[in-house]
C-alpha atoms as a PDB file:
ATOM      1  CA  UNK A   1      -6.478   9.189 -31.876  1.00  0.00           C
ATOM      2  CA  UNK A   2      -5.027   6.397 -34.036  1.00  0.00           C
ATOM      3  CA  UNK A   3      -6.885   3.840 -32.011  1.00  0.00           C
ATOM      4  CA  UNK A   4     -10.280   5.489 -32.618  1.00  0.00           C
ATOM      5  CA  UNK A   5      -9.783   5.552 -36.300  1.00  0.00           C
ATOM      6  CA  UNK A   6      -8.753   1.920 -36.529  1.00  0.00           C
ATOM      7  CA  UNK A   7     -11.966   0.938 -34.867  1.00  0.00           C
ATOM      8  CA  UNK A   8     -13.952   3.200 -37.174  1.00  0.00           C
ATOM      9  CA  UNK A   9     -12.436   1.659 -40.240  1.00  0.00           C
ATOM     10  CA  UNK A  10     -13.083  -1.916 -39.009  1.00  0.00           C
ATOM     11  CA  UNK A  11     -16.756  -1.092 -38.279  1.00  0.00           C
ATOM     12  CA  UNK A  12     -17.122   0.419 -41.766  1.00  0.00           C
ATOM     13  CA  UNK A  13     -15.719  -2.725 -43.540  1.00  0.00           C
ATOM     14  CA  UNK A  14     -18.278  -4.944 -41.509  1.00  0.00           C
ATOM     15  CA  UNK A  15     -21.196  -2.779 -42.687  1.00  0.00           C
ATOM     16  CA  UNK A  16     -20.138  -2.909 -46.310  1.00  0.00           C
ATOM     17  CA  UNK A  17     -19.738  -6.616 -46.134  1.00  0.00           C
ATOM     18  CA  UNK A  18     -23.241  -7.081 -44.494  1.00  0.00           C
ATOM     19  CA  UNK A  19     -25.463  -4.301 -45.848  1.00  0.00           C
ATOM     20  CA  UNK A  20     -28.804  -4.016 -44.167  1.00  0.00           C
ATOM     21  CA  UNK A  21     -28.168  -6.641 -41.522  1.00  0.00           C
ATOM     22  CA  UNK A  22     -29.455  -5.025 -38.061  1.00  0.00           C
ATOM     23  CA  UNK A  23     -27.551  -7.580 -36.118  1.00  0.00           C
ATOM     24  CA  UNK A  24     -24.253  -6.504 -37.760  1.00  0.00           C
ATOM     25  CA  UNK A  25     -25.053  -2.940 -37.250  1.00  0.00           C
ATOM     26  CA  UNK A  26     -25.845  -3.535 -33.663  1.00  0.00           C
ATOM     27  CA  UNK A  27     -22.904  -5.730 -32.828  1.00  0.00           C
ATOM     28  CA  UNK A  28     -20.680  -3.228 -34.797  1.00  0.00           C
ATOM     29  CA  UNK A  29     -22.047  -0.272 -32.509  1.00  0.00           C
ATOM     30  CA  UNK A  30     -21.498  -2.242 -29.381  1.00  0.00           C
ATOM     31  CA  UNK A  31     -18.071  -3.113 -30.446  1.00  0.00           C
ATOM     32  CA  UNK A  32     -17.209   0.287 -31.437  1.00  0.00           C
ATOM     33  CA  UNK A  33     -18.154   1.609 -28.004  1.00  0.00           C
ATOM     34  CA  UNK A  34     -16.297  -1.025 -26.052  1.00  0.00           C
ATOM     35  CA  UNK A  35     -13.151  -0.577 -28.291  1.00  0.00           C
ATOM     36  CA  UNK A  36     -13.329   3.196 -27.806  1.00  0.00           C
ATOM     37  CA  UNK A  37     -13.509   2.923 -24.047  1.00  0.00           C
ATOM     38  CA  UNK A  38     -10.660   0.399 -24.135  1.00  0.00           C
ATOM     39  CA  UNK A  39      -8.513   2.691 -26.252  1.00  0.00           C
ATOM     40  CA  UNK A  40      -9.009   5.606 -23.978  1.00  0.00           C
ATOM     41  CA  UNK A  41      -7.964   3.566 -20.768  1.00  0.00           C
ATOM     42  CA  UNK A  42      -4.346   4.640 -20.981  1.00  0.00           C
ATOM     43  CA  UNK A  43      -5.530   8.263 -21.185  1.00  0.00           C
ATOM     44  CA  UNK A  44      -7.766   8.058 -18.146  1.00  0.00           C
ATOM     45  CA  UNK A  45      -5.061   6.379 -16.164  1.00  0.00           C
ATOM     46  CA  UNK A  46      -2.527   9.098 -17.115  1.00  0.00           C
ATOM     47  CA  UNK A  47      -5.049  11.698 -15.991  1.00  0.00           C
ATOM     48  CA  UNK A  48      -5.459  10.210 -12.500  1.00  0.00           C
ATOM     49  CA  UNK A  49      -3.555  12.230  -9.802  1.00  0.00           C
ATOM     50  CA  UNK A  50      -0.253  10.548  -8.582  1.00  0.00           C
ATOM     51  CA  UNK A  51      -0.208  10.629  -4.809  1.00  0.00           C
ATOM     52  CA  UNK A  52       3.276  11.058  -3.141  1.00  0.00           C
ATOM     53  CA  UNK A  53       4.678   8.173  -1.166  1.00  0.00           C
ATOM     54  CA  UNK A  54       3.732   8.672   2.374  1.00  0.00           C
ATOM     55  CA  UNK A  55       6.693   9.298   4.540  1.00  0.00           C
ATOM     56  CA  UNK A  56       7.450   6.727   7.242  1.00  0.00           C
ATOM     57  CA  UNK A  57       7.301   8.229  10.850  1.00  0.00           C
ATOM     58  CA  UNK A  58      11.012   7.489  11.296  1.00  0.00           C
ATOM     59  CA  UNK A  59      11.720   9.393   8.083  1.00  0.00           C
ATOM     60  CA  UNK A  60      10.009  12.445   9.422  1.00  0.00           C
ATOM     61  CA  UNK A  61      12.003  12.099  12.594  1.00  0.00           C
ATOM     62  CA  UNK A  62      15.288  11.892  10.663  1.00  0.00           C
ATOM     63  CA  UNK A  63      14.513  14.685   8.370  1.00  0.00           C
ATOM     64  CA  UNK A  64      13.516  16.893  11.157  1.00  0.00           C
ATOM     65  CA  UNK A  65      16.832  15.989  13.077  1.00  0.00           C
ATOM     66  CA  UNK A  66      18.914  16.619   9.862  1.00  0.00           C
ATOM     67  CA  UNK A  67      17.279  20.131   9.675  1.00  0.00           C
ATOM     68  CA  UNK A  68      18.149  20.884  13.275  1.00  0.00           C
ATOM     69  CA  UNK A  69      21.713  19.589  12.608  1.00  0.00           C
ATOM     70  CA  UNK A  70      22.174  21.931   9.783  1.00  0.00           C
ATOM     71  CA  UNK A  71      20.822  24.972  11.822  1.00  0.00           C
ATOM     72  CA  UNK A  72      23.194  24.263  14.578  1.00  0.00           C
ATOM     73  CA  UNK A  73      26.181  23.894  12.139  1.00  0.00           C
ATOM     74  CA  UNK A  74      25.246  27.235  10.513  1.00  0.00           C
ATOM     75  CA  UNK A  75      25.076  29.033  13.806  1.00  0.00           C
ATOM     76  CA  UNK A  76      28.453  27.635  15.025  1.00  0.00           C
ATOM     77  CA  UNK A  77      30.059  28.848  11.709  1.00  0.00           C
ATOM     78  CA  UNK A  78      28.516  32.259  11.942  1.00  0.00           C
ATOM     79  CA  UNK A  79      29.680  32.819  15.489  1.00  0.00           C
ATOM     80  CA  UNK A  80      32.918  30.852  15.643  1.00  0.00           C
ATOM     81  CA  UNK A  81      35.858  32.225  17.585  1.00  0.00           C
ATOM     82  CA  UNK A  82      39.430  31.114  18.203  1.00  0.00           C
ATOM     83  CA  UNK A  83      39.397  30.772  22.053  1.00  0.00           C
ATOM     84  CA  UNK A  84      39.712  27.420  23.514  1.00  0.00           C
ATOM     85  CA  UNK A  85      36.572  26.268  25.262  1.00  0.00           C
ATOM     86  CA  UNK A  86      36.573  24.523  28.650  1.00  0.00           C
ATOM     87  CA  UNK A  87      33.759  22.182  28.486  1.00  0.00           C
ATOM     88  CA  UNK A  88      32.591  22.312  32.011  1.00  0.00           C
ATOM     89  CA  UNK A  89      29.641  24.732  32.005  1.00  0.00           C
ATOM     90  CA  UNK A  90      26.770  22.200  31.477  1.00  0.00           C
ATOM     91  CA  UNK A  91      27.311  19.190  33.553  1.00  0.00           C
ATOM     92  CA  UNK A  92      23.603  18.268  33.118  1.00  0.00           C
ATOM     93  CA  UNK A  93      23.636  17.741  29.270  1.00  0.00           C
ATOM     94  CA  UNK A  94      23.159  14.133  27.917  1.00  0.00           C
ATOM     95  CA  UNK A  95      26.744  12.483  27.741  1.00  0.00           C
ATOM     96  CA  UNK A  96      27.587  11.902  24.138  1.00  0.00           C
ATOM     97  CA  UNK A  97      31.032  10.410  24.640  1.00  0.00           C
ATOM     98  CA  UNK A  98      29.661   6.844  25.365  1.00  0.00           C
ATOM     99  CA  UNK A  99      27.513   6.813  22.039  1.00  0.00           C
ATOM    100  CA  UNK A 100      29.695   4.927  19.687  1.00  0.00           C
ATOM    101  CA  UNK A 101      28.626   4.778  15.820  1.00  0.00           C
ATOM    102  CA  UNK A 102      29.090   0.982  15.967  1.00  0.00           C
ATOM    103  CA  UNK A 103      26.461   0.718  18.549  1.00  0.00           C
ATOM    104  CA  UNK A 104      23.598   1.837  16.267  1.00  0.00           C
ATOM    105  CA  UNK A 105      22.798  -1.668  14.958  1.00  0.00           C
ATOM    106  CA  UNK A 106      22.250  -2.830  18.384  1.00  0.00           C
ATOM    107  CA  UNK A 107      19.719  -0.198  19.411  1.00  0.00           C
ATOM    108  CA  UNK A 108      16.284  -1.294  20.849  1.00  0.00           C
ATOM    109  CA  UNK A 109      13.430   0.762  19.450  1.00  0.00           C
ATOM    110  CA  UNK A 110      11.434   1.643  22.626  1.00  0.00           C
ATOM    111  CA  UNK A 111      14.255   2.509  25.104  1.00  0.00           C
ATOM    112  CA  UNK A 112      16.125   4.483  22.328  1.00  0.00           C
ATOM    113  CA  UNK A 113      12.933   6.560  21.405  1.00  0.00           C
ATOM    114  CA  UNK A 114      12.239   7.313  25.114  1.00  0.00           C
ATOM    115  CA  UNK A 115      15.982   8.254  25.939  1.00  0.00           C
ATOM    116  CA  UNK A 116      16.161  10.548  22.908  1.00  0.00           C
ATOM    117  CA  UNK A 117      12.900  12.334  24.005  1.00  0.00           C
ATOM    118  CA  UNK A 118      14.341  12.807  27.593  1.00  0.00           C
ATOM    119  CA  UNK A 119      17.668  14.058  26.137  1.00  0.00           C
ATOM    120  CA  UNK A 120      15.819  16.524  23.965  1.00  0.00           C
ATOM    121  CA  UNK A 121      13.882  17.920  26.821  1.00  0.00           C
ATOM    122  CA  UNK A 122      17.205  18.621  28.639  1.00  0.00           C
ATOM    123  CA  UNK A 123      18.491  20.464  25.647  1.00  0.00           C
ATOM    124  CA  UNK A 124      15.318  22.312  25.275  1.00  0.00           C
ATOM    125  CA  UNK A 125      15.830  23.706  29.035  1.00  0.00           C
ATOM    126  CA  UNK A 126      19.415  24.743  28.251  1.00  0.00           C
ATOM    127  CA  UNK A 127      18.588  26.310  24.876  1.00  0.00           C
ATOM    128  CA  UNK A 128      15.705  28.254  26.622  1.00  0.00           C
ATOM    129  CA  UNK A 129      18.062  29.437  29.258  1.00  0.00           C
ATOM    130  CA  UNK A 130      20.635  30.523  26.774  1.00  0.00           C
ATOM    131  CA  UNK A 131      18.052  32.397  24.718  1.00  0.00           C
ATOM    132  CA  UNK A 132      16.939  34.332  27.926  1.00  0.00           C
ATOM    133  CA  UNK A 133      20.497  35.319  29.042  1.00  0.00           C
ATOM    134  CA  UNK A 134      21.357  36.127  25.389  1.00  0.00           C
ATOM    135  CA  UNK A 135      18.632  38.720  25.285  1.00  0.00           C
ATOM    136  CA  UNK A 136      20.124  40.675  28.238  1.00  0.00           C
ATOM    137  CA  UNK A 137      23.322  40.991  26.164  1.00  0.00           C
ATOM    138  CA  UNK A 138      21.654  41.479  22.838  1.00  0.00           C
ATOM    139  CA  UNK A 139      23.637  38.523  21.297  1.00  0.00           C
ATOM    140  CA  UNK A 140      23.425  38.494  17.372  1.00  0.00           C
ATOM    141  CA  UNK A 141      22.559  34.701  17.428  1.00  0.00           C
ATOM    142  CA  UNK A 142      19.094  35.310  18.923  1.00  0.00           C
ATOM    143  CA  UNK A 143      17.076  34.773  15.881  1.00  0.00           C
ATOM    144  CA  UNK A 144      18.787  31.443  15.013  1.00  0.00           C
ATOM    145  CA  UNK A 145      18.529  30.235  18.709  1.00  0.00           C
ATOM    146  CA  UNK A 146      14.829  30.960  18.529  1.00  0.00           C
ATOM    147  CA  UNK A 147      14.557  29.002  15.159  1.00  0.00           C
ATOM    148  CA  UNK A 148      16.414  26.010  16.850  1.00  0.00           C
ATOM    149  CA  UNK A 149      14.039  26.080  19.777  1.00  0.00           C
ATOM    150  CA  UNK A 150      10.988  26.004  17.707  1.00  0.00           C
ATOM    151  CA  UNK A 151      12.373  23.192  15.480  1.00  0.00           C
ATOM    152  CA  UNK A 152      13.221  21.340  18.535  1.00  0.00           C
ATOM    153  CA  UNK A 153       9.758  21.455  19.994  1.00  0.00           C
ATOM    154  CA  UNK A 154       8.553  20.201  16.599  1.00  0.00           C
ATOM    155  CA  UNK A 155      10.851  17.354  16.678  1.00  0.00           C
ATOM    156  CA  UNK A 156       9.860  16.450  20.307  1.00  0.00           C
ATOM    157  CA  UNK A 157       6.120  16.494  19.261  1.00  0.00           C
ATOM    158  CA  UNK A 158       6.885  14.039  16.408  1.00  0.00           C
ATOM    159  CA  UNK A 159       8.907  11.803  18.703  1.00  0.00           C
ATOM    160  CA  UNK A 160       6.264  11.931  21.372  1.00  0.00           C
ATOM    161  CA  UNK A 161       3.698  10.708  18.859  1.00  0.00           C
ATOM    162  CA  UNK A 162       5.895   8.029  17.752  1.00  0.00           C
ATOM    163  CA  UNK A 163       6.484   6.889  21.430  1.00  0.00           C
ATOM    164  CA  UNK A 164       2.606   6.620  21.977  1.00  0.00           C
ATOM    165  CA  UNK A 165       2.319   4.732  18.648  1.00  0.00           C
ATOM    166  CA  UNK A 166       4.823   2.005  19.652  1.00  0.00           C
ATOM    167  CA  UNK A 167       3.718   2.199  23.309  1.00  0.00           C
ATOM    168  CA  UNK A 168       7.248   3.147  24.504  1.00  0.00           C
ATOM    169  CA  UNK A 169       7.614   4.487  28.029  1.00  0.00           C
ATOM    170  CA  UNK A 170       7.937   8.283  28.842  1.00  0.00           C
ATOM    171  CA  UNK A 171      10.972   8.924  31.203  1.00  0.00           C
ATOM    172  CA  UNK A 172      10.495  11.380  33.857  1.00  0.00           C
ATOM    173  CA  UNK A 173      13.130  14.174  34.026  1.00  0.00           C
ATOM    174  CA  UNK A 174      14.071  16.822  36.243  1.00  0.00           C
ATOM    175  CA  UNK A 175      14.681  20.356  34.908  1.00  0.00           C
ATOM    176  CA  UNK A 176      18.366  21.251  35.323  1.00  0.00           C
ATOM    177  CA  UNK A 177      19.316  24.026  37.707  1.00  0.00           C
ATOM    178  CA  UNK A 178      21.104  26.783  35.528  1.00  0.00           C
ATOM    179  CA  UNK A 179      22.336  30.314  36.587  1.00  0.00           C
ATOM    180  CA  UNK A 180      19.754  33.053  36.113  1.00  0.00           C
ATOM    181  CA  UNK A 181      22.236  35.240  34.225  1.00  0.00           C
ATOM    182  CA  UNK A 182      25.750  35.456  32.891  1.00  0.00           C
ATOM    183  CA  UNK A 183      27.919  38.631  33.936  1.00  0.00           C
ATOM    184  CA  UNK A 184      29.747  39.232  30.562  1.00  0.00           C
ATOM    185  CA  UNK A 185      28.938  38.780  26.955  1.00  0.00           C
ATOM    186  CA  UNK A 186      31.954  36.567  26.453  1.00  0.00           C
ATOM    187  CA  UNK A 187      30.532  34.087  29.094  1.00  0.00           C
ATOM    188  CA  UNK A 188      27.327  34.008  26.754  1.00  0.00           C
ATOM    189  CA  UNK A 189      29.440  33.327  23.626  1.00  0.00           C
ATOM    190  CA  UNK A 190      31.524  30.410  25.432  1.00  0.00           C
ATOM    191  CA  UNK A 191      28.220  29.007  26.638  1.00  0.00           C
ATOM    192  CA  UNK A 192      26.489  29.151  23.235  1.00  0.00           C
ATOM    193  CA  UNK A 193      29.626  27.675  21.627  1.00  0.00           C
ATOM    194  CA  UNK A 194      29.673  24.776  24.112  1.00  0.00           C
ATOM    195  CA  UNK A 195      26.000  23.998  24.044  1.00  0.00           C
ATOM    196  CA  UNK A 196      25.780  24.223  20.146  1.00  0.00           C
ATOM    197  CA  UNK A 197      28.749  21.700  19.854  1.00  0.00           C
ATOM    198  CA  UNK A 198      27.225  19.376  22.334  1.00  0.00           C
ATOM    199  CA  UNK A 199      23.867  19.565  20.424  1.00  0.00           C
ATOM    200  CA  UNK A 200      25.559  19.114  17.091  1.00  0.00           C
ATOM    201  CA  UNK A 201      26.918  15.790  18.353  1.00  0.00           C
ATOM    202  CA  UNK A 202      23.459  14.857  19.641  1.00  0.00           C
ATOM    203  CA  UNK A 203      21.742  15.481  16.326  1.00  0.00           C
ATOM    204  CA  UNK A 204      24.267  13.740  14.298  1.00  0.00           C
ATOM    205  CA  UNK A 205      23.919  10.667  16.554  1.00  0.00           C
ATOM    206  CA  UNK A 206      20.004  11.020  16.739  1.00  0.00           C
ATOM    207  CA  UNK A 207      19.890  11.322  12.936  1.00  0.00           C
ATOM    208  CA  UNK A 208      21.916   7.925  12.515  1.00  0.00           C
ATOM    209  CA  UNK A 209      19.758   6.423  15.300  1.00  0.00           C
ATOM    210  CA  UNK A 210      16.261   7.205  13.573  1.00  0.00           C
ATOM    211  CA  UNK A 211      17.706   5.745  10.301  1.00  0.00           C
ATOM    212  CA  UNK A 212      18.871   2.470  12.188  1.00  0.00           C
ATOM    213  CA  UNK A 213      15.626   2.130  14.010  1.00  0.00           C
ATOM    214  CA  UNK A 214      13.339   2.500  10.978  1.00  0.00           C
ATOM    215  CA  UNK A 215      13.181  -1.303  10.134  1.00  0.00           C
ATOM    216  CA  UNK A 216      12.287  -2.106  13.906  1.00  0.00           C
ATOM    217  CA  UNK A 217       9.603   0.622  13.859  1.00  0.00           C
ATOM    218  CA  UNK A 218       8.105  -0.847  10.602  1.00  0.00           C
ATOM    219  CA  UNK A 219       7.903  -4.284  12.271  1.00  0.00           C
ATOM    220  CA  UNK A 220       6.358  -3.029  15.216  1.00  0.00           C
ATOM    221  CA  UNK A 221       3.535  -1.050  13.312  1.00  0.00           C
ATOM    222  CA  UNK A 222       2.657  -3.788  10.952  1.00  0.00           C
END
């Protein structure tokens, strides 16, 4: 408003100094219109919608993985027990012991994305099996298991699209052979604990891997 009043006062002074001159009146009117438009530019600019920054593909992958990690940790805390686990039930799970944190900087984009996708498929088979056997024993972790499976499928879809975008290979995998049922509820509990602990390690490593791979993915997609 102060800008408008300044322009109006200036035009009024020009008219008083040059009464009856049509050129002055025309120039003053044109100047008035132009000045008023210029004065309103900040208002127009502030009224424009601000679009949020578009998330990078690797940001989406890391965010989804972090969400899966939290779900897994929550379920482990809710159904923790004191018995020692014998980690021998799932020999077909991806080996996590050879994935050191100091190797993250040396990861190659395409092989790592392909391997993570294949590993997720293996975990998906194990979680769907656990979900099936848990239903027979009415295990209380069923709702959270279903949520983890749903979020895992969403992560695999995001990862598959990224694999296609960077033209990484899709690895063939064979579905693991798992028992059709578990005889006792304690077996279900032990199996769920072992599977969740292994998946927690996987999600933690995958989250760090996606963050480390982001600069490489950006370079490929430019």
